[in-house]
Amino acid sequence: MGGYSVTHDNDYVGYLHATVGDQFNVYRRKVHDADDWLGKFRLEDGVKAILRACDRLVPGQDRVA
């Protein structure tokens, strides 16, 4: 089972772990509460979902650096 951590400006903001096929379960990390499950996405879309949930993705930005 594979997974990825997502950081932005040195902050750990979320993570993804593999499910079936090219899908990942996607979570926004919270420090003092249960993490938010954001859904199942392909890898790049999952990273974007995490960044949007944390207000880190600029609206209209179509690529993740």
PDB file of N, CA and C in Angstrom:
ATOM      1  N   MET A   1       0.851  -1.169   0.000  1.00  0.00           N
ATOM      2  CA  MET A   1       0.000   0.000   0.000  1.00  0.00           C
ATOM      3  C   MET A   1       0.899   1.234   0.000  1.00  0.00           C
ATOM      4  N   GLY A   2       0.703   2.099  -0.982  1.00  0.00           N
ATOM      5  CA  GLY A   2       1.535   3.286  -1.100  1.00  0.00           C
ATOM      6  C   GLY A   2       0.806   4.521  -0.627  1.00  0.00           C
ATOM      7  N   GLY A   3       1.570   5.531  -0.296  1.00  0.00           N
ATOM      8  CA  GLY A   3       0.979   6.777   0.145  1.00  0.00           C
ATOM      9  C   GLY A   3       1.928   7.936  -0.013  1.00  0.00           C
ATOM     10  N   TYR A   4       1.386   9.127   0.140  1.00  0.00           N
ATOM     11  CA  TYR A   4       2.155  10.359   0.005  1.00  0.00           C
ATOM     12  C   TYR A   4       1.736  11.338   1.084  1.00  0.00           C
ATOM     13  N   SER A   5       2.692  12.109   1.563  1.00  0.00           N
ATOM     14  CA  SER A   5       2.408  13.241   2.432  1.00  0.00           C
ATOM     15  C   SER A   5       2.436  14.494   1.576  1.00  0.00           C
ATOM     16  N   VAL A   6       1.604  15.454   1.925  1.00  0.00           N
ATOM     17  CA  VAL A   6       1.542  16.710   1.180  1.00  0.00           C
ATOM     18  C   VAL A   6       1.967  17.830   2.120  1.00  0.00           C
ATOM     19  N   THR A   7       2.966  18.582   1.690  1.00  0.00           N
ATOM     20  CA  THR A   7       3.417  19.744   2.449  1.00  0.00           C
ATOM     21  C   THR A   7       3.307  20.981   1.573  1.00  0.00           C
ATOM     22  N   HIS A   8       3.149  22.125   2.225  1.00  0.00           N
ATOM     23  CA  HIS A   8       3.118  23.408   1.521  1.00  0.00           C
ATOM     24  C   HIS A   8       3.793  24.423   2.434  1.00  0.00           C
ATOM     25  N   ASP A   9       4.802  25.111   1.913  1.00  0.00           N
ATOM     26  CA  ASP A   9       5.578  26.070   2.727  1.00  0.00           C
ATOM     27  C   ASP A   9       6.035  25.437   4.038  1.00  0.00           C
ATOM     28  N   ASN A  10       6.526  24.221   3.957  1.00  0.00           N
ATOM     29  CA  ASN A  10       7.042  23.456   5.096  1.00  0.00           C
ATOM     30  C   ASN A  10       5.987  23.069   6.130  1.00  0.00           C
ATOM     31  N   ASP A  11       4.715  23.201   5.802  1.00  0.00           N
ATOM     32  CA  ASP A  11       3.632  22.750   6.678  1.00  0.00           C
ATOM     33  C   ASP A  11       3.083  21.431   6.140  1.00  0.00           C
ATOM     34  N   TYR A  12       2.899  20.471   7.015  1.00  0.00           N
ATOM     35  CA  TYR A  12       2.304  19.185   6.648  1.00  0.00           C
ATOM     36  C   TYR A  12       0.793  19.386   6.623  1.00  0.00           C
ATOM     37  N   VAL A  13       0.187  19.404   5.417  1.00  0.00           N
ATOM     38  CA  VAL A  13      -1.216  19.774   5.286  1.00  0.00           C
ATOM     39  C   VAL A  13      -2.138  18.605   4.979  1.00  0.00           C
ATOM     40  N   GLY A  14      -1.595  17.458   4.569  1.00  0.00           N
ATOM     41  CA  GLY A  14      -2.461  16.334   4.267  1.00  0.00           C
ATOM     42  C   GLY A  14      -1.706  15.136   3.758  1.00  0.00           C
ATOM     43  N   TYR A  15      -2.462  14.096   3.416  1.00  0.00           N
ATOM     44  CA  TYR A  15      -1.840  12.870   2.936  1.00  0.00           C
ATOM     45  C   TYR A  15      -2.822  12.098   2.073  1.00  0.00           C
ATOM     46  N   LEU A  16      -2.268  11.196   1.283  1.00  0.00           N
ATOM     47  CA  LEU A  16      -3.041  10.335   0.395  1.00  0.00           C
ATOM     48  C   LEU A  16      -2.543   8.920   0.580  1.00  0.00           C
ATOM     49  N   HIS A  17      -3.430   7.946   0.523  1.00  0.00           N
ATOM     50  CA  HIS A  17      -2.974   6.561   0.500  1.00  0.00           C
ATOM     51  C   HIS A  17      -3.737   5.806  -0.578  1.00  0.00           C
ATOM     52  N   ALA A  18      -3.033   4.886  -1.203  1.00  0.00           N
ATOM     53  CA  ALA A  18      -3.551   4.159  -2.366  1.00  0.00           C
ATOM     54  C   ALA A  18      -4.754   3.319  -1.990  1.00  0.00           C
ATOM     55  N   THR A  19      -5.664   3.234  -2.930  1.00  0.00           N
ATOM     56  CA  THR A  19      -6.817   2.360  -2.786  1.00  0.00           C
ATOM     57  C   THR A  19      -6.847   1.463  -4.023  1.00  0.00           C
ATOM     58  N   VAL A  20      -7.866   1.466  -4.815  1.00  0.00           N
ATOM     59  CA  VAL A  20      -7.972   0.587  -5.986  1.00  0.00           C
ATOM     60  C   VAL A  20      -7.586   1.348  -7.255  1.00  0.00           C
ATOM     61  N   GLY A  21      -6.793   0.710  -8.110  1.00  0.00           N
ATOM     62  CA  GLY A  21      -6.408   1.319  -9.377  1.00  0.00           C
ATOM     63  C   GLY A  21      -5.567   2.563  -9.168  1.00  0.00           C
ATOM     64  N   ASP A  22      -5.946   3.644  -9.841  1.00  0.00           N
ATOM     65  CA  ASP A  22      -5.186   4.887  -9.729  1.00  0.00           C
ATOM     66  C   ASP A  22      -5.827   5.850  -8.734  1.00  0.00           C
ATOM     67  N   GLN A  23      -6.665   5.336  -7.838  1.00  0.00           N
ATOM     68  CA  GLN A  23      -7.383   6.161  -6.868  1.00  0.00           C
ATOM     69  C   GLN A  23      -6.659   6.191  -5.521  1.00  0.00           C
ATOM     70  N   PHE A  24      -6.789   7.320  -4.845  1.00  0.00           N
ATOM     71  CA  PHE A  24      -6.207   7.518  -3.519  1.00  0.00           C
ATOM     72  C   PHE A  24      -7.280   8.043  -2.581  1.00  0.00           C
ATOM     73  N   ASN A  25      -7.285   7.567  -1.326  1.00  0.00           N
ATOM     74  CA  ASN A  25      -8.068   8.196  -0.277  1.00  0.00           C
ATOM     75  C   ASN A  25      -7.296   9.437   0.146  1.00  0.00           C
ATOM     76  N   VAL A  26      -7.995  10.553   0.235  1.00  0.00           N
ATOM     77  CA  VAL A  26      -7.340  11.846   0.437  1.00  0.00           C
ATOM     78  C   VAL A  26      -7.817  12.457   1.754  1.00  0.00           C
ATOM     79  N   TYR A  27      -6.866  12.950   2.541  1.00  0.00           N
ATOM     80  CA  TYR A  27      -7.164  13.502   3.857  1.00  0.00           C
ATOM     81  C   TYR A  27      -6.489  14.850   4.057  1.00  0.00           C
ATOM     82  N   ARG A  28      -7.227  15.768   4.637  1.00  0.00           N
ATOM     83  CA  ARG A  28      -6.651  17.035   5.100  1.00  0.00           C
ATOM     84  C   ARG A  28      -6.263  16.830   6.555  1.00  0.00           C
ATOM     85  N   ARG A  29      -5.056  17.181   6.893  1.00  0.00           N
ATOM     86  CA  ARG A  29      -4.557  16.981   8.259  1.00  0.00           C
ATOM     87  C   ARG A  29      -5.028  18.104   9.157  1.00  0.00           C
ATOM     88  N   LYS A  30      -5.457  17.727  10.355  1.00  0.00           N
ATOM     89  CA  LYS A  30      -5.798  18.697  11.394  1.00  0.00           C
ATOM     90  C   LYS A  30      -4.952  18.362  12.616  1.00  0.00           C
ATOM     91  N   VAL A  31      -4.468  19.370  13.281  1.00  0.00           N
ATOM     92  CA  VAL A  31      -3.565  19.149  14.408  1.00  0.00           C
ATOM     93  C   VAL A  31      -4.308  18.724  15.665  1.00  0.00           C
ATOM     94  N   HIS A  32      -5.405  19.379  15.992  1.00  0.00           N
ATOM     95  CA  HIS A  32      -6.089  19.123  17.271  1.00  0.00           C
ATOM     96  C   HIS A  32      -7.450  18.472  17.106  1.00  0.00           C
ATOM     97  N   ASP A  33      -7.696  17.848  15.952  1.00  0.00           N
ATOM     98  CA  ASP A  33      -8.985  17.219  15.696  1.00  0.00           C
ATOM     99  C   ASP A  33      -8.772  16.060  14.727  1.00  0.00           C
ATOM    100  N   ALA A  34      -9.799  15.289  14.491  1.00  0.00           N
ATOM    101  CA  ALA A  34      -9.703  14.192  13.517  1.00  0.00           C
ATOM    102  C   ALA A  34      -9.484  14.772  12.119  1.00  0.00           C
ATOM    103  N   ASP A  35      -8.660  14.105  11.339  1.00  0.00           N
ATOM    104  CA  ASP A  35      -8.387  14.559   9.982  1.00  0.00           C
ATOM    105  C   ASP A  35      -9.657  14.465   9.132  1.00  0.00           C
ATOM    106  N   ASP A  36      -9.766  15.349   8.133  1.00  0.00           N
ATOM    107  CA  ASP A  36     -10.912  15.358   7.227  1.00  0.00           C
ATOM    108  C   ASP A  36     -10.653  14.447   6.041  1.00  0.00           C
ATOM    109  N   TRP A  37     -11.561  13.489   5.805  1.00  0.00           N
ATOM    110  CA  TRP A  37     -11.502  12.679   4.593  1.00  0.00           C
ATOM    111  C   TRP A  37     -12.147  13.501   3.498  1.00  0.00           C
ATOM    112  N   LEU A  38     -11.423  13.738   2.408  1.00  0.00           N
ATOM    113  CA  LEU A  38     -11.914  14.582   1.326  1.00  0.00           C
ATOM    114  C   LEU A  38     -12.499  13.781   0.173  1.00  0.00           C
ATOM    115  N   GLY A  39     -12.258  12.480   0.144  1.00  0.00           N
ATOM    116  CA  GLY A  39     -12.803  11.648  -0.905  1.00  0.00           C
ATOM    117  C   GLY A  39     -11.735  10.823  -1.588  1.00  0.00           C
ATOM    118  N   LYS A  40     -12.119  10.240  -2.722  1.00  0.00           N
ATOM    119  CA  LYS A  40     -11.184   9.439  -3.527  1.00  0.00           C
ATOM    120  C   LYS A  40     -10.890  10.207  -4.806  1.00  0.00           C
ATOM    121  N   PHE A  41      -9.601  10.332  -5.127  1.00  0.00           N
ATOM    122  CA  PHE A  41      -9.162  11.093  -6.282  1.00  0.00           C
ATOM    123  C   PHE A  41      -7.963  10.419  -6.918  1.00  0.00           C
ATOM    124  N   ARG A  42      -7.683  10.786  -8.154  1.00  0.00           N
ATOM    125  CA  ARG A  42      -6.396  10.460  -8.754  1.00  0.00           C
ATOM    126  C   ARG A  42      -5.366  11.324  -8.050  1.00  0.00           C
ATOM    127  N   LEU A  43      -4.096  10.990  -8.179  1.00  0.00           N
ATOM    128  CA  LEU A  43      -3.034  11.613  -7.391  1.00  0.00           C
ATOM    129  C   LEU A  43      -3.034  13.140  -7.484  1.00  0.00           C
ATOM    130  N   GLU A  44      -2.898  13.694  -8.677  1.00  0.00           N
ATOM    131  CA  GLU A  44      -2.792  15.155  -8.793  1.00  0.00           C
ATOM    132  C   GLU A  44      -4.062  15.854  -8.310  1.00  0.00           C
ATOM    133  N   ASP A  45      -5.218  15.292  -8.627  1.00  0.00           N
ATOM    134  CA  ASP A  45      -6.469  15.885  -8.169  1.00  0.00           C
ATOM    135  C   ASP A  45      -6.596  15.805  -6.650  1.00  0.00           C
ATOM    136  N   GLY A  46      -6.058  14.756  -6.055  1.00  0.00           N
ATOM    137  CA  GLY A  46      -6.066  14.632  -4.602  1.00  0.00           C
ATOM    138  C   GLY A  46      -5.211  15.678  -3.928  1.00  0.00           C
ATOM    139  N   VAL A  47      -4.041  15.936  -4.503  1.00  0.00           N
ATOM    140  CA  VAL A  47      -3.169  16.988  -3.954  1.00  0.00           C
ATOM    141  C   VAL A  47      -3.882  18.336  -4.057  1.00  0.00           C
ATOM    142  N   LYS A  48      -4.511  18.602  -5.186  1.00  0.00           N
ATOM    143  CA  LYS A  48      -5.253  19.861  -5.355  1.00  0.00           C
ATOM    144  C   LYS A  48      -6.385  19.969  -4.340  1.00  0.00           C
ATOM    145  N   ALA A  49      -7.085  18.867  -4.080  1.00  0.00           N
ATOM    146  CA  ALA A  49      -8.179  18.876  -3.102  1.00  0.00           C
ATOM    147  C   ALA A  49      -7.659  19.240  -1.718  1.00  0.00           C
ATOM    148  N   ILE A  50      -6.508  18.703  -1.345  1.00  0.00           N
ATOM    149  CA  ILE A  50      -5.910  19.034  -0.042  1.00  0.00           C
ATOM    150  C   ILE A  50      -5.546  20.505   0.008  1.00  0.00           C
ATOM    151  N   LEU A  51      -4.893  20.995  -1.029  1.00  0.00           N
ATOM    152  CA  LEU A  51      -4.480  22.401  -1.040  1.00  0.00           C
ATOM    153  C   LEU A  51      -5.681  23.343  -1.029  1.00  0.00           C
ATOM    154  N   ARG A  52      -6.742  22.984  -1.741  1.00  0.00           N
ATOM    155  CA  ARG A  52      -7.965  23.799  -1.709  1.00  0.00           C
ATOM    156  C   ARG A  52      -8.572  23.799  -0.307  1.00  0.00           C
ATOM    157  N   ALA A  53      -8.622  22.636   0.326  1.00  0.00           N
ATOM    158  CA  ALA A  53      -9.216  22.524   1.665  1.00  0.00           C
ATOM    159  C   ALA A  53      -8.443  23.346   2.685  1.00  0.00           C
ATOM    160  N   CYS A  54      -7.172  23.556   2.429  1.00  0.00           N
ATOM    161  CA  CYS A  54      -6.328  24.331   3.343  1.00  0.00           C
ATOM    162  C   CYS A  54      -6.152  25.770   2.868  1.00  0.00           C
ATOM    163  N   ASP A  55      -6.894  26.166   1.836  1.00  0.00           N
ATOM    164  CA  ASP A  55      -6.759  27.507   1.247  1.00  0.00           C
ATOM    165  C   ASP A  55      -5.338  27.789   0.796  1.00  0.00           C
ATOM    166  N   ARG A  56      -4.674  26.773   0.232  1.00  0.00           N
ATOM    167  CA  ARG A  56      -3.302  26.939  -0.243  1.00  0.00           C
ATOM    168  C   ARG A  56      -3.207  26.950  -1.766  1.00  0.00           C
ATOM    169  N   LEU A  57      -4.285  26.570  -2.456  1.00  0.00           N
ATOM    170  CA  LEU A  57      -4.279  26.552  -3.915  1.00  0.00           C
ATOM    171  C   LEU A  57      -4.993  27.802  -4.409  1.00  0.00           C
ATOM    172  N   VAL A  58      -4.294  28.597  -5.183  1.00  0.00           N
ATOM    173  CA  VAL A  58      -4.857  29.832  -5.722  1.00  0.00           C
ATOM    174  C   VAL A  58      -5.972  29.475  -6.704  1.00  0.00           C
ATOM    175  N   PRO A  59      -7.152  30.095  -6.590  1.00  0.00           N
ATOM    176  CA  PRO A  59      -8.215  29.803  -7.553  1.00  0.00           C
ATOM    177  C   PRO A  59      -7.738  29.993  -8.982  1.00  0.00           C
ATOM    178  N   GLY A  60      -8.099  29.053  -9.840  1.00  0.00           N
ATOM    179  CA  GLY A  60      -7.676  29.110 -11.234  1.00  0.00           C
ATOM    180  C   GLY A  60      -6.332  28.453 -11.496  1.00  0.00           C
ATOM    181  N   GLN A  61      -5.593  28.115 -10.426  1.00  0.00           N
ATOM    182  CA  GLN A  61      -4.307  27.450 -10.603  1.00  0.00           C
ATOM    183  C   GLN A  61      -4.575  26.016 -11.031  1.00  0.00           C
ATOM    184  N   ASP A  62      -4.012  25.621 -12.174  1.00  0.00           N
ATOM    185  CA  ASP A  62      -4.314  24.299 -12.692  1.00  0.00           C
ATOM    186  C   ASP A  62      -3.187  23.313 -12.525  1.00  0.00           C
ATOM    187  N   ARG A  63      -2.064  23.741 -12.013  1.00  0.00           N
ATOM    188  CA  ARG A  63      -0.933  22.830 -11.838  1.00  0.00           C
ATOM    189  C   ARG A  63      -0.443  22.903 -10.403  1.00  0.00           C
ATOM    190  N   VAL A  64      -0.006  21.762  -9.932  1.00  0.00           N
ATOM    191  CA  VAL A  64       0.579  21.679  -8.601  1.00  0.00           C
ATOM    192  C   VAL A  64       2.077  21.646  -8.775  1.00  0.00           C
ATOM    193  N   ALA A  65       2.775  22.537  -8.115  1.00  0.00           N
ATOM    194  CA  ALA A  65       4.239  22.615  -8.251  1.00  0.00           C
ATOM    195  C   ALA A  65       4.920  21.548  -7.436  1.00  0.00           C
TER     196      ALA A  65
END
